[in-house]
Amino acid sequence: MSAFFILIGISILVAGSFLAAFLWSVKSGQYDDDYTPSIRMLFDDAKKTDTTTK
């Protein structure tokens, strides 16, 4: 039964660390750009040019 208490404590610690990492990433502005991903598919990729001579 004591193993359950240890596992619950570890899972709360891991969940808290993931929550802290998420809040840190939101505060640092990682999720600020909400315009570019929606139009990224509209841009063409750069065409590769063949520079080798035969």
PDB file of N, CA and C in Angstrom:
ATOM      1  N   MET A   1       0.831  -1.197   0.000  1.00  0.00           N
ATOM      2  CA  MET A   1       0.000   0.000   0.000  1.00  0.00           C
ATOM      3  C   MET A   1       0.871   1.256   0.000  1.00  0.00           C
ATOM      4  N   SER A   2       2.036   1.178   0.612  1.00  0.00           N
ATOM      5  CA  SER A   2       2.898   2.354   0.654  1.00  0.00           C
ATOM      6  C   SER A   2       3.468   2.678  -0.728  1.00  0.00           C
ATOM      7  N   ALA A   3       3.533   1.672  -1.599  1.00  0.00           N
ATOM      8  CA  ALA A   3       4.017   1.915  -2.966  1.00  0.00           C
ATOM      9  C   ALA A   3       3.064   2.848  -3.706  1.00  0.00           C
ATOM     10  N   PHE A   4       1.764   2.733  -3.420  1.00  0.00           N
ATOM     11  CA  PHE A   4       0.793   3.624  -4.060  1.00  0.00           C
ATOM     12  C   PHE A   4       1.031   5.079  -3.680  1.00  0.00           C
ATOM     13  N   PHE A   5       1.347   5.320  -2.442  1.00  0.00           N
ATOM     14  CA  PHE A   5       1.607   6.687  -1.990  1.00  0.00           C
ATOM     15  C   PHE A   5       2.864   7.254  -2.643  1.00  0.00           C
ATOM     16  N   ILE A   6       3.863   6.408  -2.820  1.00  0.00           N
ATOM     17  CA  ILE A   6       5.089   6.854  -3.488  1.00  0.00           C
ATOM     18  C   ILE A   6       4.811   7.172  -4.953  1.00  0.00           C
ATOM     19  N   LEU A   7       4.054   6.294  -5.617  1.00  0.00           N
ATOM     20  CA  LEU A   7       3.730   6.515  -7.029  1.00  0.00           C
ATOM     21  C   LEU A   7       2.847   7.743  -7.227  1.00  0.00           C
ATOM     22  N   ILE A   8       1.918   7.970  -6.330  1.00  0.00           N
ATOM     23  CA  ILE A   8       1.067   9.161  -6.420  1.00  0.00           C
ATOM     24  C   ILE A   8       1.904  10.417  -6.216  1.00  0.00           C
ATOM     25  N   GLY A   9       2.819  10.383  -5.271  1.00  0.00           N
ATOM     26  CA  GLY A   9       3.697  11.540  -5.045  1.00  0.00           C
ATOM     27  C   GLY A   9       4.578  11.828  -6.255  1.00  0.00           C
ATOM     28  N   ILE A  10       5.135  10.786  -6.860  1.00  0.00           N
ATOM     29  CA  ILE A  10       5.977  10.979  -8.042  1.00  0.00           C
ATOM     30  C   ILE A  10       5.151  11.497  -9.216  1.00  0.00           C
ATOM     31  N   SER A  11       3.936  10.976  -9.395  1.00  0.00           N
ATOM     32  CA  SER A  11       3.107  11.433 -10.511  1.00  0.00           C
ATOM     33  C   SER A  11       2.679  12.890 -10.334  1.00  0.00           C
ATOM     34  N   ILE A  12       2.421  13.307  -9.111  1.00  0.00           N
ATOM     35  CA  ILE A  12       2.092  14.714  -8.863  1.00  0.00           C
ATOM     36  C   ILE A  12       3.301  15.601  -9.144  1.00  0.00           C
ATOM     37  N   LEU A  13       4.483  15.131  -8.797  1.00  0.00           N
ATOM     38  CA  LEU A  13       5.707  15.878  -9.071  1.00  0.00           C
ATOM     39  C   LEU A  13       5.951  16.015 -10.578  1.00  0.00           C
ATOM     40  N   VAL A  14       5.759  14.939 -11.324  1.00  0.00           N
ATOM     41  CA  VAL A  14       5.946  14.975 -12.784  1.00  0.00           C
ATOM     42  C   VAL A  14       4.901  15.873 -13.433  1.00  0.00           C
ATOM     43  N   ALA A  15       3.653  15.759 -13.011  1.00  0.00           N
ATOM     44  CA  ALA A  15       2.598  16.600 -13.571  1.00  0.00           C
ATOM     45  C   ALA A  15       2.853  18.070 -13.260  1.00  0.00           C
ATOM     46  N   GLY A  16       3.334  18.361 -12.072  1.00  0.00           N
ATOM     47  CA  GLY A  16       3.659  19.744 -11.721  1.00  0.00           C
ATOM     48  C   GLY A  16       4.798  20.296 -12.552  1.00  0.00           C
ATOM     49  N   SER A  17       5.776  19.443 -12.854  1.00  0.00           N
ATOM     50  CA  SER A  17       6.888  19.925 -13.687  1.00  0.00           C
ATOM     51  C   SER A  17       6.426  20.197 -15.117  1.00  0.00           C
ATOM     52  N   PHE A  18       5.544  19.351 -15.648  1.00  0.00           N
ATOM     53  CA  PHE A  18       5.007  19.623 -16.984  1.00  0.00           C
ATOM     54  C   PHE A  18       4.164  20.890 -16.995  1.00  0.00           C
ATOM     55  N   LEU A  19       3.410  21.131 -15.955  1.00  0.00           N
ATOM     56  CA  LEU A  19       2.618  22.354 -15.859  1.00  0.00           C
ATOM     57  C   LEU A  19       3.523  23.576 -15.787  1.00  0.00           C
ATOM     58  N   ALA A  20       4.597  23.474 -15.021  1.00  0.00           N
ATOM     59  CA  ALA A  20       5.536  24.592 -14.917  1.00  0.00           C
ATOM     60  C   ALA A  20       6.214  24.863 -16.253  1.00  0.00           C
ATOM     61  N   ALA A  21       6.582  23.813 -16.980  1.00  0.00           N
ATOM     62  CA  ALA A  21       7.201  23.985 -18.301  1.00  0.00           C
ATOM     63  C   ALA A  21       6.226  24.617 -19.278  1.00  0.00           C
ATOM     64  N   PHE A  22       4.964  24.224 -19.233  1.00  0.00           N
ATOM     65  CA  PHE A  22       3.956  24.822 -20.113  1.00  0.00           C
ATOM     66  C   PHE A  22       3.742  26.292 -19.783  1.00  0.00           C
ATOM     67  N   LEU A  23       3.625  26.626 -18.512  1.00  0.00           N
ATOM     68  CA  LEU A  23       3.417  28.021 -18.132  1.00  0.00           C
ATOM     69  C   LEU A  23       4.632  28.871 -18.495  1.00  0.00           C
ATOM     70  N   TRP A  24       5.829  28.319 -18.358  1.00  0.00           N
ATOM     71  CA  TRP A  24       7.040  29.044 -18.746  1.00  0.00           C
ATOM     72  C   TRP A  24       7.056  29.312 -20.247  1.00  0.00           C
ATOM     73  N   SER A  25       6.642  28.323 -21.056  1.00  0.00           N
ATOM     74  CA  SER A  25       6.643  28.525 -22.503  1.00  0.00           C
ATOM     75  C   SER A  25       5.584  29.539 -22.933  1.00  0.00           C
ATOM     76  N   VAL A  26       4.472  29.586 -22.237  1.00  0.00           N
ATOM     77  CA  VAL A  26       3.445  30.582 -22.558  1.00  0.00           C
ATOM     78  C   VAL A  26       3.940  31.981 -22.187  1.00  0.00           C
ATOM     79  N   LYS A  27       4.601  32.104 -21.036  1.00  0.00           N
ATOM     80  CA  LYS A  27       5.116  33.407 -20.616  1.00  0.00           C
ATOM     81  C   LYS A  27       6.242  33.905 -21.520  1.00  0.00           C
ATOM     82  N   SER A  28       7.016  32.977 -22.076  1.00  0.00           N
ATOM     83  CA  SER A  28       8.136  33.386 -22.932  1.00  0.00           C
ATOM     84  C   SER A  28       7.687  33.725 -24.345  1.00  0.00           C
ATOM     85  N   GLY A  29       6.416  33.531 -24.665  1.00  0.00           N
ATOM     86  CA  GLY A  29       5.879  33.951 -25.951  1.00  0.00           C
ATOM     87  C   GLY A  29       5.990  32.928 -27.058  1.00  0.00           C
ATOM     88  N   GLN A  30       6.100  31.666 -26.717  1.00  0.00           N
ATOM     89  CA  GLN A  30       6.261  30.642 -27.750  1.00  0.00           C
ATOM     90  C   GLN A  30       4.983  30.468 -28.561  1.00  0.00           C
ATOM     91  N   TYR A  31       3.846  30.763 -28.004  1.00  0.00           N
ATOM     92  CA  TYR A  31       2.578  30.546 -28.689  1.00  0.00           C
ATOM     93  C   TYR A  31       1.959  31.852 -29.194  1.00  0.00           C
ATOM     94  N   ASP A  32       2.757  32.890 -29.403  1.00  0.00           N
ATOM     95  CA  ASP A  32       2.215  34.177 -29.806  1.00  0.00           C
ATOM     96  C   ASP A  32       1.838  34.255 -31.275  1.00  0.00           C
ATOM     97  N   ASP A  33       2.542  33.555 -32.157  1.00  0.00           N
ATOM     98  CA  ASP A  33       2.307  33.666 -33.586  1.00  0.00           C
ATOM     99  C   ASP A  33       1.139  32.770 -33.989  1.00  0.00           C
ATOM    100  N   ASP A  34      -0.038  33.359 -34.173  1.00  0.00           N
ATOM    101  CA  ASP A  34      -1.180  32.564 -34.582  1.00  0.00           C
ATOM    102  C   ASP A  34      -1.606  32.868 -36.021  1.00  0.00           C
ATOM    103  N   TYR A  35      -0.873  33.709 -36.724  1.00  0.00           N
ATOM    104  CA  TYR A  35      -1.234  34.047 -38.099  1.00  0.00           C
ATOM    105  C   TYR A  35      -0.433  33.233 -39.116  1.00  0.00           C
ATOM    106  N   THR A  36       0.854  33.102 -38.914  1.00  0.00           N
ATOM    107  CA  THR A  36       1.718  32.460 -39.895  1.00  0.00           C
ATOM    108  C   THR A  36       1.369  30.990 -40.138  1.00  0.00           C
ATOM    109  N   PRO A  37       1.094  30.175 -39.133  1.00  0.00           N
ATOM    110  CA  PRO A  37       0.787  28.770 -39.435  1.00  0.00           C
ATOM    111  C   PRO A  37      -0.437  28.593 -40.325  1.00  0.00           C
ATOM    112  N   SER A  38      -1.391  29.490 -40.246  1.00  0.00           N
ATOM    113  CA  SER A  38      -2.590  29.321 -41.064  1.00  0.00           C
ATOM    114  C   SER A  38      -2.355  29.651 -42.524  1.00  0.00           C
ATOM    115  N   ILE A  39      -1.335  30.463 -42.842  1.00  0.00           N
ATOM    116  CA  ILE A  39      -1.079  30.792 -44.242  1.00  0.00           C
ATOM    117  C   ILE A  39       0.179  30.138 -44.790  1.00  0.00           C
ATOM    118  N   ARG A  40       0.864  29.356 -43.989  1.00  0.00           N
ATOM    119  CA  ARG A  40       2.116  28.739 -44.422  1.00  0.00           C
ATOM    120  C   ARG A  40       1.900  27.805 -45.601  1.00  0.00           C
ATOM    121  N   MET A  41       0.753  27.114 -45.655  1.00  0.00           N
ATOM    122  CA  MET A  41       0.509  26.186 -46.753  1.00  0.00           C
ATOM    123  C   MET A  41       0.267  26.911 -48.080  1.00  0.00           C
ATOM    124  N   LEU A  42       0.026  28.202 -48.039  1.00  0.00           N
ATOM    125  CA  LEU A  42      -0.223  28.944 -49.266  1.00  0.00           C
ATOM    126  C   LEU A  42       1.051  29.359 -49.981  1.00  0.00           C
ATOM    127  N   PHE A  43       2.178  29.340 -49.283  1.00  0.00           N
ATOM    128  CA  PHE A  43       3.445  29.737 -49.879  1.00  0.00           C
ATOM    129  C   PHE A  43       4.068  28.557 -50.612  1.00  0.00           C
ATOM    130  N   ASP A  44       4.649  28.832 -51.778  1.00  0.00           N
ATOM    131  CA  ASP A  44       5.332  27.789 -52.530  1.00  0.00           C
ATOM    132  C   ASP A  44       6.712  27.557 -51.944  1.00  0.00           C
ATOM    133  N   ASP A  45       7.157  26.336 -52.064  1.00  0.00           N
ATOM    134  CA  ASP A  45       8.519  26.028 -51.651  1.00  0.00           C
ATOM    135  C   ASP A  45       9.485  26.546 -52.706  1.00  0.00           C
ATOM    136  N   ALA A  46      10.694  26.853 -52.288  1.00  0.00           N
ATOM    137  CA  ALA A  46      11.704  27.316 -53.234  1.00  0.00           C
ATOM    138  C   ALA A  46      12.062  26.162 -54.172  1.00  0.00           C
ATOM    139  N   LYS A  47      12.108  26.465 -55.460  1.00  0.00           N
ATOM    140  CA  LYS A  47      12.434  25.433 -56.443  1.00  0.00           C
ATOM    141  C   LYS A  47      13.922  25.170 -56.437  1.00  0.00           C
ATOM    142  N   LYS A  48      14.272  23.913 -56.511  1.00  0.00           N
ATOM    143  CA  LYS A  48      15.683  23.534 -56.529  1.00  0.00           C
ATOM    144  C   LYS A  48      16.193  23.662 -57.967  1.00  0.00           C
ATOM    145  N   THR A  49      17.329  24.271 -58.112  1.00  0.00           N
ATOM    146  CA  THR A  49      17.917  24.412 -59.439  1.00  0.00           C
ATOM    147  C   THR A  49      19.046  23.387 -59.588  1.00  0.00           C
ATOM    148  N   ASP A  50      19.163  22.874 -60.774  1.00  0.00           N
ATOM    149  CA  ASP A  50      20.185  21.868 -61.058  1.00  0.00           C
ATOM    150  C   ASP A  50      21.458  22.606 -61.477  1.00  0.00           C
ATOM    151  N   THR A  51      22.482  22.534 -60.650  1.00  0.00           N
ATOM    152  CA  THR A  51      23.714  23.251 -60.924  1.00  0.00           C
ATOM    153  C   THR A  51      24.798  22.360 -61.502  1.00  0.00           C
ATOM    154  N   THR A  52      24.485  21.091 -61.677  1.00  0.00           N
ATOM    155  CA  THR A  52      25.486  20.185 -62.233  1.00  0.00           C
ATOM    156  C   THR A  52      25.492  20.261 -63.746  1.00  0.00           C
ATOM    157  N   THR A  53      26.641  20.147 -64.329  1.00  0.00           N
ATOM    158  CA  THR A  53      26.762  20.158 -65.797  1.00  0.00           C
ATOM    159  C   THR A  53      27.141  18.771 -66.264  1.00  0.00           C
ATOM    160  N   LYS A  54      26.621  18.418 -67.403  1.00  0.00           N
ATOM    161  CA  LYS A  54      26.901  17.080 -67.937  1.00  0.00           C
ATOM    162  C   LYS A  54      27.824  17.136 -69.114  1.00  0.00           C
TER     163      LYS A  54
END
